[in-house]
């Protein structure tokens, strides 16, 4: 039997907050890598100015009241065919975080490269 000291800790075992865990799982991705997720209908776009990690946190906690507010003000929305056409033409990079089954994306702002 393996000693617990031999087993490396995982993100799930750490005392980090949900925001910290999500922030560690956030990365950059190109539109070409997101196309297959868009085809599955699981891409959620988060507009610039809205905190990507905060939105992912709300999804993970199933905070429907807050999500409804963001959906209503259109700062969070399921990616549309028009979005896909625009992204295909421009090929932007995105910040991305997965909150299964959703893939949350926000266009990468090259002037302000921080996520959270």
C-alpha atoms as a PDB file:
ATOM      1  CA  UNK A   1       0.000   0.000   0.000  1.00  0.00           C
ATOM      2  CA  UNK A   2       1.383   3.406  -0.979  1.00  0.00           C
ATOM      3  CA  UNK A   3       2.124   5.992   1.682  1.00  0.00           C
ATOM      4  CA  UNK A   4       0.000   9.168   1.435  1.00  0.00           C
ATOM      5  CA  UNK A   5       3.241  11.167   1.363  1.00  0.00           C
ATOM      6  CA  UNK A   6       4.038   9.483  -1.984  1.00  0.00           C
ATOM      7  CA  UNK A   7       0.830  10.741  -3.569  1.00  0.00           C
ATOM      8  CA  UNK A   8       1.074  14.257  -5.015  1.00  0.00           C
ATOM      9  CA  UNK A   9      -1.733  16.613  -4.022  1.00  0.00           C
ATOM     10  CA  UNK A  10      -4.296  17.533  -6.659  1.00  0.00           C
ATOM     11  CA  UNK A  11      -6.124  20.807  -7.110  1.00  0.00           C
ATOM     12  CA  UNK A  12      -9.232  19.185  -5.599  1.00  0.00           C
ATOM     13  CA  UNK A  13      -7.268  18.284  -2.427  1.00  0.00           C
ATOM     14  CA  UNK A  14      -5.920  21.780  -1.875  1.00  0.00           C
ATOM     15  CA  UNK A  15      -7.379  24.326   0.523  1.00  0.00           C
ATOM     16  CA  UNK A  16      -7.791  26.807  -2.348  1.00  0.00           C
ATOM     17  CA  UNK A  17     -11.060  28.657  -2.846  1.00  0.00           C
ATOM     18  CA  UNK A  18     -13.227  27.791  -5.853  1.00  0.00           C
ATOM     19  CA  UNK A  19     -12.141  31.056  -7.530  1.00  0.00           C
ATOM     20  CA  UNK A  20      -8.473  30.152  -7.035  1.00  0.00           C
ATOM     21  CA  UNK A  21      -9.019  26.644  -8.418  1.00  0.00           C
ATOM     22  CA  UNK A  22     -10.882  27.976 -11.461  1.00  0.00           C
ATOM     23  CA  UNK A  23      -8.254  30.642 -12.058  1.00  0.00           C
ATOM     24  CA  UNK A  24      -5.544  27.949 -12.062  1.00  0.00           C
ATOM     25  CA  UNK A  25      -7.547  26.030 -14.686  1.00  0.00           C
ATOM     26  CA  UNK A  26      -7.971  29.067 -16.952  1.00  0.00           C
ATOM     27  CA  UNK A  27      -5.855  29.297 -20.070  1.00  0.00           C
ATOM     28  CA  UNK A  28      -5.589  30.749 -23.525  1.00  0.00           C
ATOM     29  CA  UNK A  29      -7.031  28.984 -26.530  1.00  0.00           C
ATOM     30  CA  UNK A  30      -7.453  29.770 -30.220  1.00  0.00           C
ATOM     31  CA  UNK A  31     -10.812  29.787 -31.981  1.00  0.00           C
ATOM     32  CA  UNK A  32      -9.651  26.872 -34.134  1.00  0.00           C
ATOM     33  CA  UNK A  33      -9.418  24.770 -30.956  1.00  0.00           C
ATOM     34  CA  UNK A  34     -12.903  25.837 -29.811  1.00  0.00           C
ATOM     35  CA  UNK A  35     -14.776  25.011 -33.015  1.00  0.00           C
ATOM     36  CA  UNK A  36     -15.555  21.430 -31.953  1.00  0.00           C
ATOM     37  CA  UNK A  37     -16.976  22.660 -28.632  1.00  0.00           C
ATOM     38  CA  UNK A  38     -19.071  25.248 -30.470  1.00  0.00           C
ATOM     39  CA  UNK A  39     -20.402  22.467 -32.700  1.00  0.00           C
ATOM     40  CA  UNK A  40     -21.518  20.624 -29.526  1.00  0.00           C
ATOM     41  CA  UNK A  41     -23.372  23.769 -28.388  1.00  0.00           C
ATOM     42  CA  UNK A  42     -21.429  24.175 -25.131  1.00  0.00           C
ATOM     43  CA  UNK A  43     -19.529  27.442 -25.686  1.00  0.00           C
ATOM     44  CA  UNK A  44     -20.600  30.312 -23.447  1.00  0.00           C
ATOM     45  CA  UNK A  45     -19.198  33.745 -24.280  1.00  0.00           C
ATOM     46  CA  UNK A  46     -18.428  36.192 -21.522  1.00  0.00           C
ATOM     47  CA  UNK A  47     -18.115  39.784 -22.642  1.00  0.00           C
ATOM     48  CA  UNK A  48     -15.100  41.915 -21.793  1.00  0.00           C
ATOM     49  CA  UNK A  49     -15.636  43.645 -18.474  1.00  0.00           C
ATOM     50  CA  UNK A  50     -17.320  40.609 -16.902  1.00  0.00           C
ATOM     51  CA  UNK A  51     -14.985  38.453 -14.780  1.00  0.00           C
ATOM     52  CA  UNK A  52     -14.603  35.065 -16.483  1.00  0.00           C
ATOM     53  CA  UNK A  53     -13.719  33.270 -13.248  1.00  0.00           C
ATOM     54  CA  UNK A  54     -16.678  34.826 -11.436  1.00  0.00           C
ATOM     55  CA  UNK A  55     -19.023  33.541 -14.152  1.00  0.00           C
ATOM     56  CA  UNK A  56     -17.452  30.075 -13.987  1.00  0.00           C
ATOM     57  CA  UNK A  57     -17.847  30.129 -10.210  1.00  0.00           C
ATOM     58  CA  UNK A  58     -21.552  30.945 -10.552  1.00  0.00           C
ATOM     59  CA  UNK A  59     -22.010  28.094 -13.018  1.00  0.00           C
ATOM     60  CA  UNK A  60     -20.163  25.677 -10.754  1.00  0.00           C
ATOM     61  CA  UNK A  61     -22.345  26.706  -7.789  1.00  0.00           C
ATOM     62  CA  UNK A  62     -25.505  26.742  -9.945  1.00  0.00           C
ATOM     63  CA  UNK A  63     -26.268  30.332  -8.893  1.00  0.00           C
ATOM     64  CA  UNK A  64     -29.219  30.721 -11.246  1.00  0.00           C
ATOM     65  CA  UNK A  65     -30.270  34.128  -9.910  1.00  0.00           C
ATOM     66  CA  UNK A  66     -26.927  35.781 -10.748  1.00  0.00           C
ATOM     67  CA  UNK A  67     -26.647  33.930 -14.052  1.00  0.00           C
ATOM     68  CA  UNK A  68     -30.106  35.144 -15.056  1.00  0.00           C
ATOM     69  CA  UNK A  69     -29.037  38.757 -14.439  1.00  0.00           C
ATOM     70  CA  UNK A  70     -25.995  38.315 -16.683  1.00  0.00           C
ATOM     71  CA  UNK A  71     -28.015  36.534 -19.352  1.00  0.00           C
ATOM     72  CA  UNK A  72     -30.582  39.334 -19.264  1.00  0.00           C
ATOM     73  CA  UNK A  73     -27.934  42.062 -19.678  1.00  0.00           C
ATOM     74  CA  UNK A  74     -26.279  39.934 -22.403  1.00  0.00           C
ATOM     75  CA  UNK A  75     -22.842  40.027 -20.750  1.00  0.00           C
ATOM     76  CA  UNK A  76     -23.030  36.202 -20.695  1.00  0.00           C
ATOM     77  CA  UNK A  77     -24.605  34.246 -23.552  1.00  0.00           C
ATOM     78  CA  UNK A  78     -24.382  31.006 -25.455  1.00  0.00           C
ATOM     79  CA  UNK A  79     -22.170  31.565 -28.509  1.00  0.00           C
ATOM     80  CA  UNK A  80     -24.269  32.044 -31.625  1.00  0.00           C
ATOM     81  CA  UNK A  81     -23.748  31.230 -35.292  1.00  0.00           C
ATOM     82  CA  UNK A  82     -22.999  34.940 -35.837  1.00  0.00           C
ATOM     83  CA  UNK A  83     -20.282  34.734 -33.164  1.00  0.00           C
ATOM     84  CA  UNK A  84     -18.794  31.691 -34.900  1.00  0.00           C
ATOM     85  CA  UNK A  85     -18.748  33.456 -38.283  1.00  0.00           C
ATOM     86  CA  UNK A  86     -17.083  36.516 -36.720  1.00  0.00           C
ATOM     87  CA  UNK A  87     -14.508  34.411 -34.862  1.00  0.00           C
ATOM     88  CA  UNK A  88     -13.758  32.364 -37.985  1.00  0.00           C
ATOM     89  CA  UNK A  89     -13.088  35.559 -39.945  1.00  0.00           C
ATOM     90  CA  UNK A  90     -10.923  37.175 -37.234  1.00  0.00           C
ATOM     91  CA  UNK A  91      -9.435  34.094 -35.490  1.00  0.00           C
ATOM     92  CA  UNK A  92      -9.105  35.726 -32.052  1.00  0.00           C
ATOM     93  CA  UNK A  93      -7.522  34.127 -29.024  1.00  0.00           C
ATOM     94  CA  UNK A  94      -9.622  33.551 -25.916  1.00  0.00           C
ATOM     95  CA  UNK A  95      -9.281  33.069 -22.207  1.00  0.00           C
ATOM     96  CA  UNK A  96     -11.067  29.817 -21.480  1.00  0.00           C
ATOM     97  CA  UNK A  97     -12.211  27.850 -18.460  1.00  0.00           C
ATOM     98  CA  UNK A  98     -14.275  24.670 -18.403  1.00  0.00           C
ATOM     99  CA  UNK A  99     -17.152  24.201 -15.994  1.00  0.00           C
ATOM    100  CA  UNK A 100     -18.474  20.932 -17.375  1.00  0.00           C
ATOM    101  CA  UNK A 101     -20.306  20.670 -19.593  1.00  0.00           C
ATOM    102  CA  UNK A 102     -19.780  24.347 -20.456  1.00  0.00           C
ATOM    103  CA  UNK A 103     -16.718  25.921 -22.046  1.00  0.00           C
ATOM    104  CA  UNK A 104     -16.600  29.581 -21.044  1.00  0.00           C
ATOM    105  CA  UNK A 105     -14.657  31.930 -23.300  1.00  0.00           C
ATOM    106  CA  UNK A 106     -13.741  35.577 -23.304  1.00  0.00           C
ATOM    107  CA  UNK A 107     -11.824  37.250 -26.097  1.00  0.00           C
ATOM    108  CA  UNK A 108      -8.237  37.811 -25.075  1.00  0.00           C
ATOM    109  CA  UNK A 109      -7.560  41.494 -24.500  1.00  0.00           C
ATOM    110  CA  UNK A 110      -3.925  41.867 -25.498  1.00  0.00           C
ATOM    111  CA  UNK A 111      -3.618  45.199 -23.668  1.00  0.00           C
ATOM    112  CA  UNK A 112      -4.671  43.653 -20.346  1.00  0.00           C
ATOM    113  CA  UNK A 113      -3.534  40.006 -20.247  1.00  0.00           C
ATOM    114  CA  UNK A 114      -4.758  39.171 -16.745  1.00  0.00           C
ATOM    115  CA  UNK A 115      -7.796  36.967 -16.275  1.00  0.00           C
ATOM    116  CA  UNK A 116      -8.722  37.551 -12.667  1.00  0.00           C
END
